[in-house]
Amino acid sequence: MSCCCSSVGAAAERQFSEKRATKDLAKYRSKGPGPTARLLLAGIAKAGPPHGRLLDVGSGVGVLMFELLERGLTEAIGIDLSSAYVSAASDEAARRGRTDAVRFVHGDFVGIASQFLAAAIVTLDRVICCYPEYERLLDESVRHAGHHFALSYPRDVWYVRTSFANPAVTVARALTNTFAGIRPADAPGFIAAQLVGAGIATLFFRWLAPALSTEAKDVVVPRRQNLRTS
């Protein structure tokens, strides 16, 4: 695995901790799939009854995997950069009695994509906005899509761009040794302040333009044999 992939993995381990994984799993158990996951599930349902195998890149606590297994898929594989999320998802699979139908892999999909066969459906929920080499991630993901490729991504509006760009820059500065760097221990405070500011800006903008939907866009693309992947 390249140095870049190693840095991304280390950053993911810090940001997507055991505490956060536990919180996300508890939220899923009590409230069900989140907004973008619901959009993807609805889009996949429109494409026809799901069948075969799912490959979920950036699987988190396994929300899409468990939901699609309930809807007809027979097998699901999840890949995530966070070992805490892989552990939480594995525990949830055992609780649901789904250990025979799921497999969770800890790693960077770009670096280990060759280990996986094509799947009927490939999903990425809130992943491409967090990955620095998203072109390679999308390329490998599309290559593995046998029938459908589904992803969610942020709306192209200023307050969304700002809310993602500032934390991303903070993480990048935490990984550098230059004079512009930020101590990793200080990064959570920077990100928290940036997210609070983004939240205030979002609420203000929604007050100014209440008719504008703030949902993430969703895409479910049928996989064509002539679809370019490079």
Foldseek 3Di string as FASTA:
>chain_A
DDPLQVLLLVLCQVVCDLVNLVVVVVCCVVPNDDQQLVVQVVVVVVVDQDEWEEEEEQCFLNRNPVVSVVRYYQAYEYEHSYPSRLVNNCVVCVVVVNNVRYYYHHGHCLVCLVVDAATCEYEYEPPLLSRPPSLSVQLSRLVRHPWKYKYWDFDPDDLVCQLSVQLNVLSVLCSDPDPSHDPPVCSVVSNVVSNVVSVVVVVVVCVVPVVDDRRIDMDMDTRDPPDDSD
